[in-house]
Structures are given as C-alpha cells and as structure tokens.
Amino acid sequence: MRRATAVLFCLACLPAAFAGEPSAEAIPWITSVGEAMKDAAAAGRPTFVDVWATWCVPCRQMDVTTYRDPEVVARLRGPFTALKVDADAQPLFIERYRVEAYPTALVLDEKGEELVRYAGALTAAQLLGLVDRVAADFETYRLARDAGDRLGVADVLLRVGNPDGAAELYRRALKGVSGPPAGRALAGLYRAEMARGRPRDAARVLERLRKEAPDQVPADLELGTNLLP
C-alpha cells in the first residue's frame, strides 16, 4: 500500500519544467549511509539527501535536470555531503526518517538530525533556496544546539523551512519557564503555527502571549489579533 501511494505521489509531483542546463561536472554522491554520516561528521557540515526509487519517474527526471544544473552542482560539491538513498535498498533509513513519498529531499546536520525536508520533485531554483537557507544558518544552529539553546535551534528550524520541528521545540521550551523566555517561545510558536497553516492555533498562542508576557509581543504579531472567530 505504501509503495502504491508513493508511486501516485511521485507521478503527481512532477513539475512542468526544470531549470538549468547540463553541467560537465557532477555531484559527488555517496550511496552508503554510513560513509556519508562519517564524512559529514568529520567535515562538520550538513548532509543533503536525495531519497529516490528506481521506479520513480520524477526522481529520474531530477537526475538529468535539477542535479545537473551548474549552480546546484556547485552548492552540493562543497558545503554539503551529498547522499543518494535508494528507498527500496535502504528500508531502515526510510523507517528512521519516515519517508513516505518519492522523491524526498532531506537536509541533516552532521549528527544525522533532520533540519528540513521537501517531499516532491524540486526545480533547481527550489533546491538552491533550500540549501542556501540551511548553509546561511548552519553555524548558528550548531552553536545553539551545542549550547543547549532549544529556542535558538527552534528559531533556525523555522527560518530554514521546518515549522513542524520548530513548533515541537517551542512547546518543549515552554515547560517550566516564564517571563522573557516564555514570551520568546510563544512568539516563535505563533509564527510556527502560522507557517503550518494553522491560524486558529496561532491565534490561541497569541492570546496566551498577551496574557502571560504582554511586553514580549512583537509589533508584527498584532496582525493576528482577529484570527479567532
């Protein structure tokens, strides 16, 4: 059933056109998960993962279009470890990261923790946007993570496009805190809920923020005043 669902998604997510011309250079893909993790850990850099399947049409399209775009090749050759995962050959990886559609792009930190994902075929422009956001914030993320700064990590996840992960961390950070830290967490959770497309949940968070830490309400959050019916 999972494979049938993934096939339907795979065919449906094929974009109308892909950007970029073929490049003489190629992305140095690693096909061993273990080797890729060791490479990323040694270099202290994130891993870009292309999860694909031999029967996935958009996956093959990306191989001859998006992944041959010169800018994409340049981005993935240096700041990232590039890992290609055959879904049918790597069931443990698929289970660990809960991949349910192909292609799926994952960006992991050097310890294998997920930063962001995108399910569906990516154009060159979309992929560049994804990896550029991660590259710009990766050191900030590492510093926050290593310092145990849960809010700092959540802020980065939200900026790179992972509102689900950010929302989870903001909620964890709210346990047992008050004052400015609680206000910051609530403000972040509001933004995460809006990014997740949950305006009513966001409005409830904003209402709580106004009650518990009114001096911590950023001016731009006042836009959510009338979200509740």
Foldseek 3Di string as FASTA:
>chain_A
DLVVVQQVQLVVQQDPDADADAAPDFAPEDADPVVLLVVQLVVQAKAKEWEAEPSRPLSVVCRRGQRRHVVNSVLRNPRHHYYYYHCVVCVVVCVVVVDRHPGKIFIAGSNRHTLDMDHGHDHNVRVCLLSVLCVVCVVQLVVCVVVVNLQSNLVSSVRSPNLVVSLVSLVVQCPPDADPSVLSSLQSNLSSCVSVVNLQVSLVSVVVSCVGPVVSDDPVSCVSPPSHD
